Amino acid sequence: MDTFSSKAAQLAEFPSQSIRATCPLDPIAYHPRGLSRRALLRVQSYIAEHLAEPFTPGDLALLAGVTRFHFARLFRFSTGVSPMQFVRTQRLQMSKELLIRGELTIAEIASEIGFCDQSHYCRSFRRMTGMTPSAFAHASYTTEFAAPSPSAGSSGESRTGPLGVTVT
């Protein structure tokens, strides 16, 4: 009996000792009560690949292999934000890149990144950045073209900025 209880005690301590020794945890990316790294990476990869498509927290929970409510709690522990807030932030970051490129209208960008309409997109963008998408595009345009290079001005080249304005 005594040997059995000592063996059980050794086995109970073994996993925690081996995990600590072989897998140092990044305190920002992992919380002991959060999603496993593999599940978190799987969910984040799915979000990045399907950003423009509509999906629900239930879809993400299936990827993580847990229930919808448990997923929301674990995701918040792991990232510090709710799953849908994370998705919204990723969409708005992508929209910033599209606004800087200047190839699409605001309505097209809203549709491209998965917002149901331009109004919802503009409200979300303003809430996150403190400025409208048009103001952001204009600010990036003026920053990009504020000091043209001497060669561009002397050669007579013209460029089209984010809002469709031609700059010579």
C-alpha atoms as a PDB file:
ATOM      1  CA  MET A   1       0.000   0.000   0.000  1.00  0.00           C
ATOM      2  CA  ASP A   2       2.735   2.417   0.910  1.00  0.00           C
ATOM      3  CA  THR A   3       4.546   1.937  -2.389  1.00  0.00           C
ATOM      4  CA  PHE A   4       1.313   2.469  -4.311  1.00  0.00           C
ATOM      5  CA  SER A   5       0.550   5.808  -2.613  1.00  0.00           C
ATOM      6  CA  SER A   6       4.114   7.069  -3.107  1.00  0.00           C
ATOM      7  CA  LYS A   7       3.962   6.086  -6.797  1.00  0.00           C
ATOM      8  CA  ALA A   8       0.623   7.897  -7.177  1.00  0.00           C
ATOM      9  CA  ALA A   9       2.087  10.997  -5.552  1.00  0.00           C
ATOM     10  CA  GLN A  10       5.054  10.918  -7.970  1.00  0.00           C
ATOM     11  CA  LEU A  11       2.757  10.576 -10.980  1.00  0.00           C
ATOM     12  CA  ALA A  12       0.568  13.417  -9.754  1.00  0.00           C
ATOM     13  CA  GLU A  13       3.586  15.742  -9.568  1.00  0.00           C
ATOM     14  CA  PHE A  14       5.187  14.585 -12.829  1.00  0.00           C
ATOM     15  CA  PRO A  15       3.039  16.383 -15.432  1.00  0.00           C
ATOM     16  CA  SER A  16       3.291  19.801 -13.822  1.00  0.00           C
ATOM     17  CA  GLN A  17       7.047  19.476 -13.339  1.00  0.00           C
ATOM     18  CA  SER A  18       7.673  18.322 -16.908  1.00  0.00           C
ATOM     19  CA  ILE A  19       5.428  20.986 -18.433  1.00  0.00           C
ATOM     20  CA  ARG A  20       7.141  23.762 -16.501  1.00  0.00           C
ATOM     21  CA  ALA A  21      10.586  22.458 -17.419  1.00  0.00           C
ATOM     22  CA  THR A  22       9.969  21.891 -21.134  1.00  0.00           C
ATOM     23  CA  CYS A  23       7.425  24.557 -22.045  1.00  0.00           C
ATOM     24  CA  PRO A  24       8.079  28.027 -20.672  1.00  0.00           C
ATOM     25  CA  LEU A  25       4.909  30.031 -21.165  1.00  0.00           C
ATOM     26  CA  ASP A  26       4.641  33.498 -22.626  1.00  0.00           C
ATOM     27  CA  PRO A  27       2.615  35.351 -19.963  1.00  0.00           C
ATOM     28  CA  ILE A  28       0.965  37.628 -22.540  1.00  0.00           C
ATOM     29  CA  ALA A  29      -0.149  34.924 -24.973  1.00  0.00           C
ATOM     30  CA  TYR A  30      -1.186  32.295 -22.468  1.00  0.00           C
ATOM     31  CA  HIS A  31      -3.292  32.248 -19.357  1.00  0.00           C
ATOM     32  CA  PRO A  32      -3.550  29.065 -17.284  1.00  0.00           C
ATOM     33  CA  ARG A  33      -7.342  29.200 -17.578  1.00  0.00           C
ATOM     34  CA  GLY A  34      -7.328  30.285 -21.240  1.00  0.00           C
ATOM     35  CA  LEU A  35      -7.267  28.405 -24.512  1.00  0.00           C
ATOM     36  CA  SER A  36      -4.354  26.150 -25.289  1.00  0.00           C
ATOM     37  CA  ARG A  37      -1.784  27.661 -27.626  1.00  0.00           C
ATOM     38  CA  ARG A  38      -2.772  25.275 -30.385  1.00  0.00           C
ATOM     39  CA  ALA A  39      -6.467  26.140 -30.105  1.00  0.00           C
ATOM     40  CA  LEU A  40      -5.738  29.877 -29.924  1.00  0.00           C
ATOM     41  CA  LEU A  41      -3.497  29.728 -33.006  1.00  0.00           C
ATOM     42  CA  ARG A  42      -6.088  27.671 -34.879  1.00  0.00           C
ATOM     43  CA  VAL A  43      -8.805  30.239 -34.098  1.00  0.00           C
ATOM     44  CA  GLN A  44      -6.595  33.240 -34.911  1.00  0.00           C
ATOM     45  CA  SER A  45      -5.519  31.668 -38.215  1.00  0.00           C
ATOM     46  CA  TYR A  46      -9.130  30.990 -39.144  1.00  0.00           C
ATOM     47  CA  ILE A  47     -10.076  34.583 -38.337  1.00  0.00           C
ATOM     48  CA  ALA A  48      -7.210  35.934 -40.461  1.00  0.00           C
ATOM     49  CA  GLU A  49      -8.084  33.707 -43.434  1.00  0.00           C
ATOM     50  CA  HIS A  50     -11.859  34.281 -43.297  1.00  0.00           C
ATOM     51  CA  LEU A  51     -11.972  37.891 -42.127  1.00  0.00           C
ATOM     52  CA  ALA A  52     -14.394  39.080 -44.800  1.00  0.00           C
ATOM     53  CA  GLU A  53     -16.776  36.162 -44.306  1.00  0.00           C
ATOM     54  CA  PRO A  54     -19.545  36.148 -41.712  1.00  0.00           C
ATOM     55  CA  PHE A  55     -18.954  33.753 -38.834  1.00  0.00           C
ATOM     56  CA  THR A  56     -20.202  33.416 -35.279  1.00  0.00           C
ATOM     57  CA  PRO A  57     -18.530  32.759 -31.945  1.00  0.00           C
ATOM     58  CA  GLY A  58     -20.077  29.292 -32.208  1.00  0.00           C
ATOM     59  CA  ASP A  59     -18.067  28.633 -35.373  1.00  0.00           C
ATOM     60  CA  LEU A  60     -14.878  29.668 -33.590  1.00  0.00           C
ATOM     61  CA  ALA A  61     -15.801  27.527 -30.581  1.00  0.00           C
ATOM     62  CA  LEU A  62     -16.041  24.473 -32.851  1.00  0.00           C
ATOM     63  CA  LEU A  63     -12.475  25.114 -33.995  1.00  0.00           C
ATOM     64  CA  ALA A  64     -11.321  25.286 -30.380  1.00  0.00           C
ATOM     65  CA  GLY A  65     -13.298  22.184 -29.446  1.00  0.00           C
ATOM     66  CA  VAL A  66     -15.322  23.753 -26.621  1.00  0.00           C
ATOM     67  CA  THR A  67     -18.827  25.124 -26.134  1.00  0.00           C
ATOM     68  CA  ARG A  68     -19.661  28.651 -27.282  1.00  0.00           C
ATOM     69  CA  PHE A  69     -19.880  30.116 -23.780  1.00  0.00           C
ATOM     70  CA  HIS A  70     -16.779  28.349 -22.531  1.00  0.00           C
ATOM     71  CA  PHE A  71     -14.928  29.506 -25.651  1.00  0.00           C
ATOM     72  CA  ALA A  72     -15.861  33.147 -25.047  1.00  0.00           C
ATOM     73  CA  ARG A  73     -14.547  32.944 -21.484  1.00  0.00           C
ATOM     74  CA  LEU A  74     -11.328  31.137 -22.452  1.00  0.00           C
ATOM     75  CA  PHE A  75     -10.674  33.440 -25.405  1.00  0.00           C
ATOM     76  CA  ARG A  76     -11.050  36.496 -23.179  1.00  0.00           C
ATOM     77  CA  PHE A  77      -8.601  34.996 -20.670  1.00  0.00           C
ATOM     78  CA  SER A  78      -6.131  34.295 -23.487  1.00  0.00           C
ATOM     79  CA  THR A  79      -6.331  37.588 -25.367  1.00  0.00           C
ATOM     80  CA  GLY A  80      -7.871  40.119 -23.004  1.00  0.00           C
ATOM     81  CA  VAL A  81     -10.790  40.873 -25.373  1.00  0.00           C
ATOM     82  CA  SER A  82     -13.952  39.098 -26.452  1.00  0.00           C
ATOM     83  CA  PRO A  83     -13.828  37.021 -29.649  1.00  0.00           C
ATOM     84  CA  MET A  84     -15.991  39.455 -31.608  1.00  0.00           C
ATOM     85  CA  GLN A  85     -14.014  42.469 -30.366  1.00  0.00           C
ATOM     86  CA  PHE A  86     -10.874  40.697 -31.600  1.00  0.00           C
ATOM     87  CA  VAL A  87     -12.500  40.088 -34.995  1.00  0.00           C
ATOM     88  CA  ARG A  88     -13.674  43.709 -35.223  1.00  0.00           C
ATOM     89  CA  THR A  89     -10.172  44.970 -34.385  1.00  0.00           C
ATOM     90  CA  GLN A  90      -8.631  42.725 -37.054  1.00  0.00           C
ATOM     91  CA  ARG A  91     -11.167  43.926 -39.621  1.00  0.00           C
ATOM     92  CA  LEU A  92     -10.501  47.560 -38.811  1.00  0.00           C
ATOM     93  CA  GLN A  93      -6.743  47.051 -39.040  1.00  0.00           C
ATOM     94  CA  MET A  94      -7.224  45.552 -42.491  1.00  0.00           C
ATOM     95  CA  SER A  95      -9.444  48.479 -43.448  1.00  0.00           C
ATOM     96  CA  LYS A  96      -6.687  50.916 -42.469  1.00  0.00           C
ATOM     97  CA  GLU A  97      -4.360  49.186 -44.917  1.00  0.00           C
ATOM     98  CA  LEU A  98      -7.010  49.329 -47.650  1.00  0.00           C
ATOM     99  CA  LEU A  99      -7.662  53.019 -46.963  1.00  0.00           C
ATOM    100  CA  ILE A 100      -3.956  53.803 -47.206  1.00  0.00           C
ATOM    101  CA  ARG A 101      -3.734  51.989 -50.553  1.00  0.00           C
ATOM    102  CA  GLY A 102      -6.629  54.101 -51.815  1.00  0.00           C
ATOM    103  CA  GLU A 103      -7.864  51.649 -54.440  1.00  0.00           C
ATOM    104  CA  LEU A 104     -11.383  51.115 -53.044  1.00  0.00           C
ATOM    105  CA  THR A 105     -14.222  53.350 -51.919  1.00  0.00           C
ATOM    106  CA  ILE A 106     -15.309  53.311 -48.293  1.00  0.00           C
ATOM    107  CA  ALA A 107     -18.428  51.296 -49.167  1.00  0.00           C
ATOM    108  CA  GLU A 108     -16.303  48.734 -51.021  1.00  0.00           C
ATOM    109  CA  ILE A 109     -13.904  48.478 -48.092  1.00  0.00           C
ATOM    110  CA  ALA A 110     -16.803  47.944 -45.669  1.00  0.00           C
ATOM    111  CA  SER A 111     -18.091  45.114 -47.834  1.00  0.00           C
ATOM    112  CA  GLU A 112     -14.610  43.676 -48.427  1.00  0.00           C
ATOM    113  CA  ILE A 113     -13.778  43.326 -44.729  1.00  0.00           C
ATOM    114  CA  GLY A 114     -17.075  41.825 -43.647  1.00  0.00           C
ATOM    115  CA  PHE A 115     -19.180  44.708 -42.312  1.00  0.00           C
ATOM    116  CA  CYS A 116     -22.848  44.504 -43.248  1.00  0.00           C
ATOM    117  CA  ASP A 117     -23.023  48.152 -44.311  1.00  0.00           C
ATOM    118  CA  GLN A 118     -20.958  51.306 -44.619  1.00  0.00           C
ATOM    119  CA  SER A 119     -22.681  53.021 -41.693  1.00  0.00           C
ATOM    120  CA  HIS A 120     -21.754  50.258 -39.236  1.00  0.00           C
ATOM    121  CA  TYR A 121     -18.208  50.254 -40.570  1.00  0.00           C
ATOM    122  CA  CYS A 122     -17.837  54.036 -40.193  1.00  0.00           C
ATOM    123  CA  ARG A 123     -19.192  53.975 -36.620  1.00  0.00           C
ATOM    124  CA  SER A 124     -16.831  51.157 -35.649  1.00  0.00           C
ATOM    125  CA  PHE A 125     -13.868  52.834 -37.333  1.00  0.00           C
ATOM    126  CA  ARG A 126     -14.559  56.139 -35.598  1.00  0.00           C
ATOM    127  CA  ARG A 127     -14.979  54.426 -32.228  1.00  0.00           C
ATOM    128  CA  MET A 128     -11.593  52.726 -32.626  1.00  0.00           C
ATOM    129  CA  THR A 129      -9.521  55.524 -34.164  1.00  0.00           C
ATOM    130  CA  GLY A 130     -11.333  58.704 -33.209  1.00  0.00           C
ATOM    131  CA  MET A 131     -11.693  59.739 -36.856  1.00  0.00           C
ATOM    132  CA  THR A 132     -13.855  58.751 -39.784  1.00  0.00           C
ATOM    133  CA  PRO A 133     -12.491  56.539 -42.564  1.00  0.00           C
ATOM    134  CA  SER A 134     -12.536  59.550 -44.927  1.00  0.00           C
ATOM    135  CA  ALA A 135     -10.511  61.638 -42.482  1.00  0.00           C
ATOM    136  CA  PHE A 136      -8.068  58.753 -42.000  1.00  0.00           C
ATOM    137  CA  ALA A 137      -7.666  58.335 -45.769  1.00  0.00           C
ATOM    138  CA  HIS A 138      -7.182  62.071 -46.183  1.00  0.00           C
ATOM    139  CA  ALA A 139      -4.608  62.163 -43.355  1.00  0.00           C
ATOM    140  CA  SER A 140      -2.685  59.250 -44.860  1.00  0.00           C
ATOM    141  CA  TYR A 141      -2.919  60.907 -48.275  1.00  0.00           C
ATOM    142  CA  THR A 142      -1.544  64.225 -47.030  1.00  0.00           C
ATOM    143  CA  THR A 143       1.184  62.457 -45.073  1.00  0.00           C
ATOM    144  CA  GLU A 144       2.190  60.392 -48.097  1.00  0.00           C
ATOM    145  CA  PHE A 145       2.166  63.275 -50.568  1.00  0.00           C
ATOM    146  CA  ALA A 146       3.055  66.199 -48.278  1.00  0.00           C
ATOM    147  CA  ALA A 147       6.692  66.367 -49.348  1.00  0.00           C
ATOM    148  CA  PRO A 148       6.994  65.037 -52.912  1.00  0.00           C
ATOM    149  CA  SER A 149      10.435  64.052 -54.028  1.00  0.00           C
ATOM    150  CA  PRO A 150      12.224  66.551 -56.289  1.00  0.00           C
ATOM    151  CA  SER A 151      12.350  64.033 -59.123  1.00  0.00           C
ATOM    152  CA  ALA A 152       8.566  63.506 -59.098  1.00  0.00           C
ATOM    153  CA  GLY A 153       7.841  67.234 -59.332  1.00  0.00           C
ATOM    154  CA  SER A 154      10.323  67.926 -62.100  1.00  0.00           C
ATOM    155  CA  SER A 155       9.360  65.035 -64.360  1.00  0.00           C
ATOM    156  CA  GLY A 156       5.686  66.025 -64.478  1.00  0.00           C
ATOM    157  CA  GLU A 157       4.431  62.660 -63.223  1.00  0.00           C
ATOM    158  CA  SER A 158       0.915  62.535 -61.830  1.00  0.00           C
ATOM    159  CA  ARG A 159      -0.388  60.152 -59.203  1.00  0.00           C
ATOM    160  CA  THR A 160      -3.868  59.360 -57.979  1.00  0.00           C
ATOM    161  CA  GLY A 161      -4.304  59.566 -54.204  1.00  0.00           C
ATOM    162  CA  PRO A 162      -6.644  57.584 -51.939  1.00  0.00           C
ATOM    163  CA  LEU A 163      -9.664  59.813 -52.567  1.00  0.00           C
ATOM    164  CA  GLY A 164      -9.293  59.827 -56.341  1.00  0.00           C
ATOM    165  CA  VAL A 165      -7.515  63.214 -56.443  1.00  0.00           C
ATOM    166  CA  THR A 166      -4.766  63.493 -59.055  1.00  0.00           C
ATOM    167  CA  VAL A 167      -1.503  64.965 -57.775  1.00  0.00           C
ATOM    168  CA  THR A 168       1.121  66.223 -60.203  1.00  0.00           C
END
